[in-house]
Protein backbone atom coordinates (compact mmCIF):
# COMPACT_ATOMS: atom_id res chain seq x y z
CA MET A 1 0.04 -0.01 -0.03
CA GLU A 2 2.15 2.88 -1.22
CA LEU A 3 1.23 6.53 -0.68
CA HIS A 4 2.31 7.77 -4.04
CA GLU A 5 -0.87 6.84 -5.87
CA TRP A 6 -2.91 9.01 -3.42
CA GLU A 7 -0.42 11.95 -3.66
CA GLU A 8 -0.37 11.96 -7.48
CA HIS A 9 -4.08 12.20 -7.99
CA PHE A 10 -5.46 13.61 -4.72
CA ASP A 11 -6.00 17.20 -5.62
CA ALA A 12 -7.70 16.42 -8.87
CA LEU A 13 -9.95 13.77 -7.34
CA LEU A 14 -10.84 15.95 -4.41
CA ASP A 15 -11.63 19.01 -6.46
CA ASN A 16 -14.00 16.95 -8.65
CA GLU A 17 -15.66 15.20 -5.84
CA VAL A 18 -16.30 18.31 -3.70
CA ASP A 19 -17.37 20.41 -6.66
CA ASN A 20 -19.97 17.70 -7.79
CA TYR A 21 -21.22 17.16 -4.30
CA LEU A 22 -21.78 20.81 -3.60
CA SER A 23 -23.51 21.32 -7.02
CA GLU A 24 -25.96 18.41 -6.45
CA ASN A 25 -26.78 19.59 -2.98
CA GLU A 26 -26.71 23.37 -3.32
CA ASP A 27 -30.41 23.81 -2.86
CA ASP A 28 -30.35 22.03 0.45
CA LEU A 29 -27.14 23.47 1.66
CA PHE A 30 -27.31 27.15 0.71
CA ILE A 31 -29.98 29.87 1.14
CA GLU A 32 -29.75 32.97 -0.97
CA THR A 33 -29.42 36.09 1.02
CA PRO A 34 -28.99 39.84 0.14
CA MET A 35 -25.50 39.61 1.54
CA LYS A 36 -24.28 36.51 -0.18
CA SER A 37 -25.46 34.43 -3.27
CA LYS A 38 -25.73 30.72 -3.31
CA GLU A 39 -22.83 30.64 -5.77
CA GLN A 40 -20.66 32.71 -3.39
CA GLN A 41 -21.53 30.35 -0.46
CA LYS A 42 -20.71 27.40 -2.55
CA ILE A 43 -17.31 28.75 -3.56
CA GLN A 44 -16.50 29.57 0.07
CA THR A 45 -17.58 26.25 1.38
CA LYS A 46 -15.53 24.52 -1.33
CA ASP A 47 -12.52 26.52 -0.44
CA GLU A 48 -12.85 25.57 3.23
CA ILE A 49 -13.17 21.93 2.33
CA MET A 50 -10.21 21.99 0.04
CA LYS A 51 -8.10 23.91 2.59
CA THR A 52 -8.88 21.37 5.19
CA PHE A 53 -7.92 18.38 3.17
CA ARG A 54 -4.78 20.04 1.77
CA LEU A 55 -3.22 20.54 5.17
CA GLU A 56 0.39 19.43 5.17
CA GLU A 57 -0.32 16.64 7.74
CA ALA A 58 -3.07 15.06 5.42
CA GLY A 59 -0.52 13.04 3.62
CA ASP A 60 1.09 11.86 6.90
CA LEU A 61 -2.38 10.86 8.31
CA ILE A 62 -3.20 8.80 5.11
CA GLU A 63 0.25 7.08 5.31
CA GLN A 64 -0.28 6.39 9.08
CA ALA A 65 -3.78 5.08 8.31
CA LEU A 66 -2.53 2.64 5.61
CA CYS A 67 0.24 1.41 7.87
CA VAL A 68 -2.25 0.72 10.69
CA ILE A 69 -4.76 -0.92 8.27
CA ARG A 70 -1.98 -3.11 6.88
CA ASP A 71 -0.55 -4.14 10.32
CA LEU A 72 -3.95 -4.51 12.30
CA LEU A 73 -6.77 -5.19 10.00
CA PRO A 74 -5.76 -8.86 9.30
CA GLN A 75 -6.26 -9.55 13.01
CA HIS A 76 -9.85 -8.40 12.89
CA ILE A 77 -11.29 -10.09 9.72
CA THR A 78 -10.96 -13.41 7.98
CA LYS A 79 -8.19 -14.43 5.78
CA GLU A 80 -10.50 -14.28 2.75
CA GLU A 81 -11.64 -10.80 3.65
CA TRP A 82 -8.19 -9.59 4.18
CA GLU A 83 -7.07 -10.89 0.76
CA LYS A 84 -9.85 -8.95 -0.96
CA VAL A 85 -8.91 -5.74 0.92
CA TYR A 86 -5.29 -6.13 0.16
CA GLU A 87 -6.01 -6.66 -3.53
CA GLU A 88 -8.13 -3.57 -3.70
CA PHE A 89 -5.41 -1.46 -2.14
CA MET A 90 -2.71 -2.85 -4.33
CA ASN A 91 -4.75 -2.25 -7.39
CA CYS A 92 -6.03 1.22 -6.63
CA ASP A 93 -3.51 2.95 -8.91
CA GLU A 94 -4.58 0.81 -11.85
CA ALA A 95 -8.22 1.55 -10.90
CA LEU A 96 -7.61 5.29 -10.99
CA VAL A 97 -5.97 5.15 -14.45
CA LYS A 98 -8.98 3.11 -15.74
CA HIS A 99 -11.46 5.71 -14.21
CA PHE A 100 -9.64 8.61 -15.84
CA GLU A 101 -9.48 6.75 -19.13
CA ALA A 102 -13.29 6.12 -18.84
CA VAL A 103 -13.94 9.73 -18.20
CA GLU A 104 -11.68 10.78 -21.14
CA ASN A 105 -13.51 8.36 -23.44
CA GLU A 106 -16.91 9.63 -22.13
CA ALA A 107 -17.77 6.28 -20.76
CA ILE A 108 -18.28 8.02 -17.47
CA ASP A 109 -19.87 11.46 -17.22
CA LYS A 110 -17.13 13.78 -15.95
CA ASP A 111 -19.87 15.75 -14.04
CA GLU A 112 -21.23 12.74 -12.28
CA PHE A 113 -20.47 12.53 -8.61
CA THR A 114 -18.02 9.66 -7.98
CA PRO A 115 -16.56 9.16 -4.48
CA ILE A 116 -12.76 8.95 -4.33
CA HIS A 117 -12.91 5.30 -2.97
CA GLU A 118 -14.96 4.19 -6.00
CA MET A 119 -12.38 5.90 -8.34
CA CYS A 120 -9.67 3.92 -6.58
CA GLY A 121 -11.60 0.63 -6.59
CA ILE A 122 -12.12 0.53 -2.81
CA SER A 123 -15.42 -1.25 -2.03
CA ASN A 124 -17.95 -0.28 0.64
CA ASP A 125 -17.09 -3.64 2.34
CA THR A 126 -13.47 -2.44 2.68
CA LEU A 127 -14.58 0.91 4.03
CA MET A 128 -16.65 -0.85 6.68
CA HIS A 129 -13.80 -3.11 7.61
CA CYS A 130 -11.57 -0.05 8.12
CA TYR A 131 -14.32 1.80 10.08
CA ARG A 132 -14.79 -1.18 12.44
CA LEU A 133 -10.98 -1.32 12.93
CA GLY A 134 -11.02 2.41 13.79
CA GLN A 135 -13.78 1.80 16.31
CA ALA A 136 -11.78 -1.09 17.90
CA ILE A 137 -8.70 1.05 18.11
CA TYR A 138 -10.64 3.90 19.60
CA ASN A 139 -12.05 1.62 22.26
CA ASP A 140 -8.50 0.57 23.10
CA LYS A 141 -7.69 4.28 23.54
CA GLU A 142 -5.29 4.38 20.67
CA TYR A 143 -6.74 7.68 19.54
CA ALA A 144 -4.04 8.83 17.23
CA ASP A 145 -4.10 5.75 15.15
CA ALA A 146 -8.00 5.72 15.24
CA ARG A 147 -7.98 9.34 14.07
CA ALA A 148 -5.69 8.50 11.16
CA ILE A 149 -8.10 5.82 9.99
CA PHE A 150 -11.20 7.94 10.32
CA SER A 151 -9.41 10.90 8.59
CA TYR A 152 -8.52 8.58 5.70
CA LEU A 153 -12.16 7.46 5.44
CA VAL A 154 -13.35 11.07 5.43
CA THR A 155 -10.85 11.72 2.56
CA VAL A 156 -12.06 8.88 0.38
CA ALA A 157 -15.77 8.92 1.40
CA ALA A 158 -16.59 12.33 2.51
CA TYR A 159 -20.28 11.72 2.03
CA VAL A 160 -20.51 9.50 5.28
CA PRO A 161 -21.27 11.54 8.35
CA GLU A 162 -20.27 8.84 10.75
CA PHE A 163 -16.65 9.04 9.44
CA TRP A 164 -16.58 12.78 10.27
CA ILE A 165 -18.14 12.18 13.78
CA SER A 166 -15.68 9.51 14.57
CA ALA A 167 -12.60 11.65 13.46
CA GLY A 168 -13.85 14.45 15.70
CA MET A 169 -14.37 12.21 18.64
CA CYS A 170 -10.64 11.18 18.42
CA CYS A 171 -9.66 14.81 18.46
CA TYR A 172 -11.76 15.41 21.50
CA GLN A 173 -10.15 12.45 23.28
CA MET A 174 -6.78 13.94 22.44
CA GLU A 175 -7.87 17.31 23.76
CA GLU A 176 -7.47 18.90 20.24
CA TYR A 177 -10.86 20.71 20.69
CA GLN A 178 -10.40 23.39 18.08
CA GLN A 179 -9.46 20.78 15.45
CA ALA A 180 -12.60 18.80 16.32
CA ILE A 181 -14.65 22.05 16.11
CA ASP A 182 -13.26 22.89 12.68
CA SER A 183 -14.00 19.43 11.36
CA TYR A 184 -17.58 19.42 12.75
CA LYS A 185 -18.28 22.86 11.29
CA LEU A 186 -17.12 21.79 8.03
CA ALA A 187 -19.29 18.61 8.13
CA GLN A 188 -22.22 20.64 9.15
CA SER A 189 -22.12 22.52 5.83
CA LEU A 190 -22.39 19.07 4.11
CA PHE A 191 -24.95 17.57 6.45
CA PRO A 192 -26.95 20.48 7.84
CA ASP A 193 -29.55 18.19 9.50
CA GLU A 194 -27.16 15.77 11.20
CA VAL A 195 -27.82 16.52 14.83
CA ALA A 196 -24.81 14.57 16.08
CA LEU A 197 -22.46 17.02 14.46
CA TYR A 198 -23.92 19.91 16.40
CA ILE A 199 -24.09 17.83 19.71
CA HIS A 200 -20.38 16.88 19.40
CA CYS A 201 -19.39 20.42 18.27
CA ALA A 202 -21.17 21.95 21.37
CA ASN A 203 -19.35 19.44 23.61
CA ASN A 204 -16.01 20.53 22.16
CA PHE A 205 -16.86 24.27 22.63
CA ILE A 206 -17.72 23.57 26.19
CA ALA A 207 -14.48 21.70 26.69
CA ASN A 208 -12.59 24.58 25.12
CA GLY A 209 -14.31 27.04 27.31
CA ASP A 210 -16.30 28.78 24.66
CA LEU A 211 -19.86 28.79 26.10
CA THR A 212 -21.17 31.41 23.72
CA ASN A 213 -20.63 29.26 20.65
CA ALA A 214 -21.63 26.13 22.56
CA LYS A 215 -25.06 27.78 23.07
CA ILE A 216 -25.25 28.52 19.34
CA GLU A 217 -24.67 24.87 18.54
CA LEU A 218 -27.27 23.83 21.07
CA ASP A 219 -29.82 26.20 19.57
CA GLU A 220 -29.23 24.58 16.22
CA VAL A 221 -29.96 21.19 17.85
CA LYS A 222 -33.26 22.49 19.16
CA LYS A 223 -34.16 23.69 15.58
CA ILE A 224 -33.45 20.27 14.18
CA PHE A 225 -35.52 18.61 16.96
CA ILE A 226 -38.46 20.63 15.79
CA LYS A 227 -38.01 19.60 12.10
CA ASP A 228 -37.16 15.93 13.10
CA PRO A 229 -38.84 14.61 16.29
CA SER A 230 -37.15 11.32 15.78
CA SER A 231 -33.78 12.89 16.34
CA GLN A 232 -35.05 14.37 19.57
CA GLU A 233 -35.91 10.89 20.95
CA GLN A 234 -32.35 9.69 20.23
CA TRP A 235 -30.42 12.82 21.40
CA ASN A 236 -32.51 14.74 23.90
CA LYS A 237 -30.82 13.25 27.06
CA THR A 238 -27.46 14.29 25.70
CA TYR A 239 -28.82 17.73 24.64
CA GLU A 240 -30.21 18.33 28.14
CA PHE A 241 -26.97 17.22 29.73
CA LEU A 242 -24.87 19.59 27.64
CA VAL A 243 -27.34 22.53 28.27
CA SER A 244 -27.00 21.89 32.04
CA ARG A 245 -23.17 21.50 31.74
CA ALA A 246 -22.96 24.83 29.81
CA GLU A 247 -25.06 26.64 32.35
CA LYS A 248 -23.02 25.34 35.27
CA ASP A 249 -19.79 26.32 33.59
CA ARG A 250 -21.26 29.73 32.91
CA GLU A 251 -22.29 30.21 36.48
CA GLY A 252 -18.86 29.06 37.73
CA ALA A 253 -17.22 31.55 35.47
CA GLU A 254 -19.36 34.40 36.81
């Protein structure tokens, strides 16, 4: 599992994926205002996403993730499953070449949204194996390695909110609250009705001592509860706990 195949094509793939995703979902993500058009909002959001993924440490995290997957995943799945995973990773460079050839030959619509993992020939089964490995490592309190795996998953399958949530949870455990907040805020622009992103973001704001922004996040949770009562059934206890915690912290500060 070499890193070079990711480094060679990463920017082009990411640009294509983010642009198509935002274009397909702009009606849900952006509301026209007198101060900012939908197109301006889309450009700003895309710039934020690209800036996040082009951090210098992104390549290091991917390399770390691939090493952890290579070393630990065989212990968590069957031999047959590992052989399939290994084959997919070893052939991802060839899969990318085939994808670009198909786009060039118009066998694939260049404007059609294709996740990076599909371009690389990485199956949903392999993503889930990696996700479960990340959860197991997280439960073992190996937060840096777990974060690397979840960050890799976010990179190749940014459309799965659970990957974002898990990466942020690792940052929280490592007391990197601002990094978790930045990740959650970015994910909120992609999944504006995913209540867990606001819950976790509020928790990080509280841990970081920013009670004003924690309240803003919790107010957003309340709005989602009104639109989606089922989410309130799942998250109300956590919401009430965070509201109580924020109020206690505010009283203590005063």
